[in-house]
N, C-alpha and C. Protein backbone atom coordinates (compact mmCIF):
# COMPACT_ATOMS: atom_id res chain seq x y z
N MET A 1 0.86 -1.20 0.05
CA MET A 1 0.05 -0.06 -0.09
C MET A 1 0.79 1.21 0.06
N TYR A 2 0.54 2.32 -0.72
CA TYR A 2 1.23 3.46 -0.80
C TYR A 2 0.44 4.78 -1.23
N LYS A 3 0.90 5.83 -0.96
CA LYS A 3 0.28 7.09 -1.29
C LYS A 3 0.88 7.76 -2.61
N THR A 4 0.20 8.58 -3.23
CA THR A 4 0.72 9.34 -4.28
C THR A 4 0.83 10.88 -3.92
N GLU A 5 1.78 11.70 -4.53
CA GLU A 5 1.79 12.89 -4.36
C GLU A 5 2.25 13.55 -5.64
N HIS A 6 1.75 14.78 -6.03
CA HIS A 6 1.98 15.63 -7.19
C HIS A 6 2.45 16.82 -6.77
N SER A 7 3.83 17.19 -7.20
CA SER A 7 4.24 18.50 -7.04
C SER A 7 4.87 18.95 -8.21
N ALA A 8 5.28 20.37 -8.41
CA ALA A 8 5.80 20.90 -9.35
C ALA A 8 6.88 21.85 -8.82
N GLY A 9 7.78 22.24 -9.77
CA GLY A 9 8.94 23.13 -9.33
C GLY A 9 9.57 23.79 -10.58
N GLY A 10 10.59 24.74 -10.15
CA GLY A 10 11.19 25.50 -11.28
C GLY A 10 12.64 25.47 -11.19
N VAL A 11 13.22 25.30 -12.45
CA VAL A 11 14.71 25.64 -12.62
C VAL A 11 14.79 26.96 -13.07
N LEU A 12 15.09 27.95 -12.11
CA LEU A 12 15.15 29.47 -12.55
C LEU A 12 16.51 29.83 -12.84
N PHE A 13 16.70 30.44 -13.92
CA PHE A 13 17.93 31.17 -14.23
C PHE A 13 17.88 32.73 -14.10
N LYS A 14 18.94 33.12 -13.88
CA LYS A 14 19.10 34.66 -13.81
C LYS A 14 20.70 34.70 -14.30
N GLU A 15 20.52 35.31 -15.48
CA GLU A 15 21.81 35.44 -16.34
C GLU A 15 22.57 34.01 -16.51
N LYS A 16 23.85 33.82 -15.96
CA LYS A 16 24.49 32.70 -16.02
C LYS A 16 24.40 31.83 -14.81
N SER A 17 23.46 32.06 -13.84
CA SER A 17 23.43 31.37 -12.61
C SER A 17 22.02 30.77 -12.37
N VAL A 18 21.67 29.86 -11.60
CA VAL A 18 20.53 28.91 -11.25
C VAL A 18 20.21 29.03 -9.88
N LEU A 19 18.94 29.18 -9.59
CA LEU A 19 18.58 29.15 -8.20
C LEU A 19 18.33 27.77 -7.66
N LEU A 20 18.96 27.82 -6.51
CA LEU A 20 18.72 26.32 -5.73
C LEU A 20 18.43 26.57 -4.25
N ILE A 21 17.87 25.55 -3.66
CA ILE A 21 17.40 25.65 -2.28
C ILE A 21 18.14 24.62 -1.48
N LEU A 22 18.41 24.80 -0.21
CA LEU A 22 19.06 23.82 0.61
C LEU A 22 17.98 23.22 1.52
N ASN A 23 17.60 21.80 1.30
CA ASN A 23 16.44 21.37 2.04
C ASN A 23 17.04 20.96 3.30
N PHE A 24 16.09 20.27 4.05
CA PHE A 24 16.43 19.92 5.50
C PHE A 24 17.16 18.72 5.71
N SER A 25 17.52 18.10 4.57
CA SER A 25 18.27 16.81 4.40
C SER A 25 19.69 17.41 4.14
N SER A 26 20.02 18.74 4.01
CA SER A 26 21.15 19.49 3.81
C SER A 26 21.67 18.89 2.45
N LYS A 27 20.73 18.90 1.43
CA LYS A 27 21.00 18.79 -0.01
C LYS A 27 20.61 19.93 -0.83
N TRP A 28 21.35 20.49 -1.76
CA TRP A 28 20.89 21.59 -2.68
C TRP A 28 19.92 20.92 -3.79
N THR A 29 18.99 21.63 -3.96
CA THR A 29 17.79 21.01 -5.15
C THR A 29 17.20 22.24 -5.47
N PHE A 30 16.16 22.01 -6.31
CA PHE A 30 15.35 23.00 -7.01
C PHE A 30 13.94 23.20 -6.06
N PRO A 31 13.61 24.51 -5.99
CA PRO A 31 12.40 24.68 -5.18
C PRO A 31 11.15 24.03 -5.94
N LYS A 32 10.41 23.36 -5.02
CA LYS A 32 9.16 22.75 -5.49
C LYS A 32 8.25 22.61 -4.45
N GLY A 33 6.94 22.03 -4.72
CA GLY A 33 5.87 21.94 -3.72
C GLY A 33 4.84 21.15 -4.29
N LEU A 34 3.85 20.70 -3.33
CA LEU A 34 2.65 20.15 -3.63
C LEU A 34 1.79 20.92 -4.59
N VAL A 35 1.20 20.49 -5.57
CA VAL A 35 0.18 20.93 -6.28
C VAL A 35 -1.21 21.08 -5.52
N GLU A 36 -1.79 22.27 -5.44
CA GLU A 36 -3.02 22.33 -4.53
C GLU A 36 -4.14 22.15 -5.39
N GLU A 37 -5.14 21.75 -4.98
CA GLU A 37 -6.54 21.64 -5.65
C GLU A 37 -6.85 22.76 -6.30
N GLY A 38 -7.07 22.57 -7.70
CA GLY A 38 -7.58 23.67 -8.49
C GLY A 38 -6.35 24.63 -9.06
N GLU A 39 -5.34 24.19 -8.80
CA GLU A 39 -4.08 24.79 -9.28
C GLU A 39 -3.27 24.11 -10.35
N SER A 40 -2.81 24.59 -11.36
CA SER A 40 -2.04 24.09 -12.41
C SER A 40 -0.64 23.72 -12.00
N ALA A 41 -0.03 22.95 -12.44
CA ALA A 41 1.44 22.55 -12.08
C ALA A 41 2.29 23.76 -12.32
N GLN A 42 1.90 24.42 -13.62
CA GLN A 42 2.84 25.66 -13.73
C GLN A 42 2.57 26.76 -12.82
N ASP A 43 1.38 26.91 -12.32
CA ASP A 43 1.15 27.89 -11.35
C ASP A 43 1.91 27.57 -10.03
N THR A 44 1.82 26.29 -9.78
CA THR A 44 2.40 25.78 -8.55
C THR A 44 3.79 26.01 -8.63
N ALA A 45 4.59 25.84 -9.70
CA ALA A 45 5.98 26.00 -9.87
C ALA A 45 6.18 27.55 -9.44
N ILE A 46 5.52 28.42 -10.01
CA ILE A 46 5.81 29.90 -9.92
C ILE A 46 5.57 30.18 -8.34
N ARG A 47 4.42 29.71 -7.84
CA ARG A 47 4.08 30.02 -6.45
C ARG A 47 5.28 29.40 -5.42
N GLU A 48 5.66 28.18 -5.71
CA GLU A 48 6.58 27.60 -4.87
C GLU A 48 8.00 28.14 -4.83
N VAL A 49 8.46 28.60 -5.95
CA VAL A 49 9.70 29.26 -6.18
C VAL A 49 9.81 30.55 -5.44
N TYR A 50 8.62 31.32 -5.54
CA TYR A 50 8.50 32.64 -4.72
C TYR A 50 8.38 32.45 -3.20
N GLU A 51 7.58 31.29 -2.93
CA GLU A 51 7.43 31.04 -1.35
C GLU A 51 8.66 30.73 -0.73
N GLU A 52 9.43 29.68 -1.33
CA GLU A 52 10.50 29.33 -0.67
C GLU A 52 11.85 30.21 -0.89
N THR A 53 11.69 31.02 -1.70
CA THR A 53 13.10 31.92 -1.98
C THR A 53 12.85 33.34 -1.99
N GLY A 54 11.53 33.87 -2.29
CA GLY A 54 11.51 35.18 -2.48
C GLY A 54 11.68 35.77 -3.75
N ILE A 55 12.02 35.04 -4.72
CA ILE A 55 12.31 35.30 -6.24
C ILE A 55 11.02 34.99 -6.92
N LYS A 56 10.71 36.05 -7.90
CA LYS A 56 9.46 35.92 -8.76
C LYS A 56 10.23 35.50 -10.18
N GLY A 57 9.55 34.41 -10.65
CA GLY A 57 10.14 34.06 -11.88
C GLY A 57 8.82 33.83 -12.77
N ARG A 58 9.19 33.62 -14.15
CA ARG A 58 8.11 33.37 -15.05
C ARG A 58 8.56 32.01 -16.02
N VAL A 59 7.61 31.28 -16.30
CA VAL A 59 7.82 30.00 -16.96
C VAL A 59 7.98 30.27 -18.45
N ILE A 60 9.21 29.77 -19.05
CA ILE A 60 9.50 29.78 -20.37
C ILE A 60 9.43 28.46 -21.16
N GLY A 61 9.27 27.40 -20.32
CA GLY A 61 9.34 25.89 -21.06
C GLY A 61 8.86 24.86 -19.92
N TYR A 62 8.57 23.74 -20.55
CA TYR A 62 8.39 22.49 -19.64
C TYR A 62 9.55 21.76 -19.73
N LEU A 63 10.08 21.17 -18.68
CA LEU A 63 11.20 20.32 -18.76
C LEU A 63 10.71 18.86 -18.61
N GLY A 64 9.71 18.39 -18.21
CA GLY A 64 9.24 17.31 -17.96
C GLY A 64 8.95 16.75 -16.54
N LYS A 65 8.93 15.49 -16.25
CA LYS A 65 8.49 15.04 -14.91
C LYS A 65 9.52 13.96 -14.46
N ILE A 66 9.70 13.92 -13.25
CA ILE A 66 10.61 12.96 -12.62
C ILE A 66 9.65 12.14 -11.51
N GLN A 67 9.91 11.09 -11.23
CA GLN A 67 9.26 10.17 -10.27
C GLN A 67 10.18 9.58 -9.26
N TYR A 68 9.89 9.55 -8.03
CA TYR A 68 10.77 8.82 -7.07
C TYR A 68 9.79 8.46 -5.88
N TRP A 69 10.41 7.44 -5.14
CA TRP A 69 9.62 7.03 -3.97
C TRP A 69 10.45 7.47 -2.66
N TYR A 70 9.53 7.84 -1.64
CA TYR A 70 10.31 8.04 -0.34
C TYR A 70 9.34 7.51 0.75
N VAL A 71 9.77 7.49 1.99
CA VAL A 71 8.96 7.04 3.19
C VAL A 71 8.77 8.14 4.09
N TRP A 72 7.62 8.36 4.52
CA TRP A 72 7.28 9.54 5.34
C TRP A 72 6.32 9.03 6.73
N GLU A 73 6.92 9.01 7.78
CA GLU A 73 6.18 8.46 9.03
C GLU A 73 5.65 7.13 8.66
N GLY A 74 6.49 6.33 8.13
CA GLY A 74 6.12 4.79 7.90
C GLY A 74 5.26 4.58 6.69
N ILE A 75 5.03 5.74 5.87
CA ILE A 75 4.01 5.44 4.75
C ILE A 75 4.90 5.65 3.51
N LYS A 76 4.70 4.60 2.53
CA LYS A 76 5.59 4.82 1.22
C LYS A 76 4.88 5.70 0.47
N ILE A 77 5.54 6.57 -0.23
CA ILE A 77 4.90 7.60 -1.02
C ILE A 77 5.68 7.66 -2.42
N LYS A 78 4.70 7.70 -3.63
CA LYS A 78 5.47 7.73 -5.00
C LYS A 78 5.06 9.22 -5.28
N LYS A 79 6.25 9.85 -5.45
CA LYS A 79 6.03 11.28 -5.89
C LYS A 79 6.45 11.67 -7.30
N THR A 80 5.59 12.34 -7.91
CA THR A 80 5.76 12.84 -9.47
C THR A 80 5.86 14.33 -9.24
N VAL A 81 7.04 14.87 -9.86
CA VAL A 81 7.37 16.28 -9.85
C VAL A 81 7.26 16.81 -11.39
N ASP A 82 6.55 17.72 -11.77
CA ASP A 82 6.81 18.37 -12.95
C ASP A 82 7.60 19.56 -12.73
N TYR A 83 8.68 19.61 -13.54
CA TYR A 83 9.59 20.79 -13.67
C TYR A 83 9.38 21.67 -14.91
N PHE A 84 9.60 23.00 -14.61
CA PHE A 84 9.34 24.18 -15.37
C PHE A 84 10.81 24.81 -15.69
N LEU A 85 11.17 25.31 -16.76
CA LEU A 85 12.22 26.07 -17.10
C LEU A 85 11.76 27.63 -16.65
N MET A 86 12.55 28.27 -15.97
CA MET A 86 11.88 29.51 -15.74
C MET A 86 13.02 30.70 -15.66
N GLU A 87 12.62 31.86 -15.64
CA GLU A 87 13.72 32.95 -15.81
C GLU A 87 13.31 34.05 -14.69
N TYR A 88 14.27 34.47 -14.13
CA TYR A 88 14.23 35.59 -13.16
C TYR A 88 13.40 36.90 -13.59
N VAL A 89 12.41 37.30 -12.58
CA VAL A 89 11.68 38.47 -12.93
C VAL A 89 12.08 39.51 -11.98
N GLU A 90 11.97 39.27 -10.69
CA GLU A 90 12.35 40.27 -9.81
C GLU A 90 12.60 39.45 -8.38
N GLY A 91 13.15 40.33 -7.36
CA GLY A 91 13.08 39.91 -6.01
C GLY A 91 14.55 39.66 -5.54
N GLU A 92 14.67 39.52 -4.25
CA GLU A 92 15.82 39.44 -3.51
C GLU A 92 15.69 38.14 -2.77
N ILE A 93 16.74 37.46 -2.54
CA ILE A 93 16.58 36.05 -1.88
C ILE A 93 16.29 36.13 -0.43
N LYS A 94 15.13 35.57 -0.06
CA LYS A 94 14.64 35.42 1.25
C LYS A 94 14.14 34.21 1.53
N PRO A 95 15.03 33.21 1.94
CA PRO A 95 14.61 31.81 2.15
C PRO A 95 13.32 31.71 3.33
N SER A 96 12.33 31.08 2.97
CA SER A 96 11.35 30.79 3.89
C SER A 96 11.71 29.65 4.93
N PHE A 97 10.76 29.52 5.80
CA PHE A 97 10.86 28.44 6.97
C PHE A 97 10.89 27.17 6.34
N GLU A 98 10.63 27.03 5.15
CA GLU A 98 10.28 25.69 4.55
C GLU A 98 11.69 25.01 4.03
N VAL A 99 12.74 26.15 4.16
CA VAL A 99 14.00 25.70 3.57
C VAL A 99 15.04 26.24 4.66
N LYS A 100 16.43 25.45 4.43
CA LYS A 100 17.59 26.11 5.26
C LYS A 100 18.17 27.26 4.68
N ASP A 101 18.20 27.26 3.35
CA ASP A 101 18.91 28.33 2.67
C ASP A 101 18.51 28.29 1.01
N ALA A 102 18.80 29.62 0.29
CA ALA A 102 18.41 29.56 -1.11
C ALA A 102 19.64 30.36 -1.66
N ALA A 103 20.07 30.19 -2.75
CA ALA A 103 21.02 31.10 -3.41
C ALA A 103 21.02 30.82 -4.72
N PHE A 104 21.67 31.76 -5.60
CA PHE A 104 22.07 31.66 -7.11
C PHE A 104 23.55 31.18 -7.12
N PHE A 105 23.70 30.21 -7.99
CA PHE A 105 25.11 29.69 -8.11
C PHE A 105 25.21 29.69 -9.71
N PRO A 106 26.50 29.81 -9.93
CA PRO A 106 27.08 29.68 -11.40
C PRO A 106 26.77 28.18 -11.74
N LEU A 107 26.53 28.02 -13.18
CA LEU A 107 25.98 26.85 -13.65
C LEU A 107 26.98 25.71 -13.17
N ASP A 108 28.33 25.66 -13.39
CA ASP A 108 29.19 24.69 -13.01
C ASP A 108 29.23 24.28 -11.61
N LYS A 109 29.02 25.32 -10.65
CA LYS A 109 29.11 25.20 -9.16
C LYS A 109 27.66 24.28 -8.93
N ALA A 110 26.55 24.83 -9.53
CA ALA A 110 25.17 24.33 -9.34
C ALA A 110 25.35 22.52 -9.74
N LYS A 111 25.94 22.44 -10.74
CA LYS A 111 26.11 21.03 -11.05
C LYS A 111 26.79 20.12 -10.21
N GLU A 112 27.83 20.65 -9.48
CA GLU A 112 28.63 20.06 -8.47
C GLU A 112 27.61 19.70 -7.27
N LEU A 113 26.78 20.72 -6.96
CA LEU A 113 26.21 20.70 -5.67
C LEU A 113 24.86 19.83 -5.68
N LEU A 114 24.33 19.64 -6.94
CA LEU A 114 23.25 18.74 -7.01
C LEU A 114 23.47 17.25 -6.83
N THR A 115 22.84 16.42 -5.96
CA THR A 115 23.06 15.21 -5.63
C THR A 115 21.94 14.07 -6.16
N TYR A 116 20.80 14.67 -6.27
CA TYR A 116 19.48 13.64 -6.57
C TYR A 116 19.68 13.59 -8.01
N LYS A 117 19.58 12.24 -8.28
CA LYS A 117 19.62 11.83 -9.90
C LYS A 117 18.59 12.61 -10.62
N GLY A 118 17.34 12.66 -10.11
CA GLY A 118 16.32 13.42 -10.97
C GLY A 118 16.66 14.82 -11.21
N ASP A 119 17.28 15.66 -10.10
CA ASP A 119 17.78 17.07 -10.27
C ASP A 119 18.82 17.02 -11.32
N LYS A 120 19.66 16.12 -11.33
CA LYS A 120 20.81 16.27 -12.44
C LYS A 120 20.14 16.15 -13.81
N GLN A 121 19.18 15.17 -13.94
CA GLN A 121 18.58 15.00 -15.17
C GLN A 121 17.90 16.14 -15.60
N VAL A 122 17.06 16.77 -14.60
CA VAL A 122 16.22 17.87 -15.12
C VAL A 122 17.15 19.18 -15.33
N PHE A 123 18.14 19.23 -14.64
CA PHE A 123 19.27 20.46 -14.92
C PHE A 123 19.77 20.37 -16.22
N GLN A 124 20.22 19.11 -16.58
CA GLN A 124 20.79 19.00 -17.91
C GLN A 124 19.81 19.26 -19.06
N LYS A 125 18.53 18.80 -18.90
CA LYS A 125 17.60 19.39 -19.85
C LYS A 125 17.39 20.95 -19.87
N ALA A 126 17.50 21.39 -18.67
CA ALA A 126 17.30 23.01 -18.65
C ALA A 126 18.50 23.77 -19.36
N ILE A 127 19.66 23.20 -19.17
CA ILE A 127 20.76 23.63 -19.87
C ILE A 127 20.75 23.71 -21.34
N LEU A 128 20.19 22.51 -21.70
CA LEU A 128 20.20 22.33 -23.25
C LEU A 128 18.92 23.13 -23.86
N ALA A 129 17.90 23.30 -22.94
CA ALA A 129 16.72 24.17 -23.41
C ALA A 129 17.04 25.48 -23.51
N ARG A 130 17.95 25.98 -22.81
CA ARG A 130 18.44 27.32 -22.58
C ARG A 130 19.71 27.64 -23.64
N GLY A 131 20.38 26.47 -24.31
CA GLY A 131 21.30 26.58 -25.13
C GLY A 131 22.49 27.25 -24.42
N VAL A 132 22.77 26.98 -23.15
CA VAL A 132 23.96 27.53 -22.36
C VAL A 132 25.19 26.67 -22.62
């Protein structure tokens, strides 16, 4: 028996840097969160990036979805995450209570910091989509 979750997130670029968050497992990753009832995945990505980092972005493309399993309080969860290519609109970094930190990193440094397989795949797609 397992539960499913649907989240959405953004790979947000500002010039030659990308926005990452530090999660509570001390892993650098992309901002994302649960899609709320009546909300599109694209709107979720925009909202979550802003809520977690204080940065407003706009979607410029779809990067695809990743799936993974995790266990929370003894319950096995299958999570699907839709990722969107985003670009910086405005704002200063103000990490929320949901994350340990948030920062823009040069692309080569971001590539080193990402540890999750799905993040690495999405980041590669984002770089190709941007032609960087």
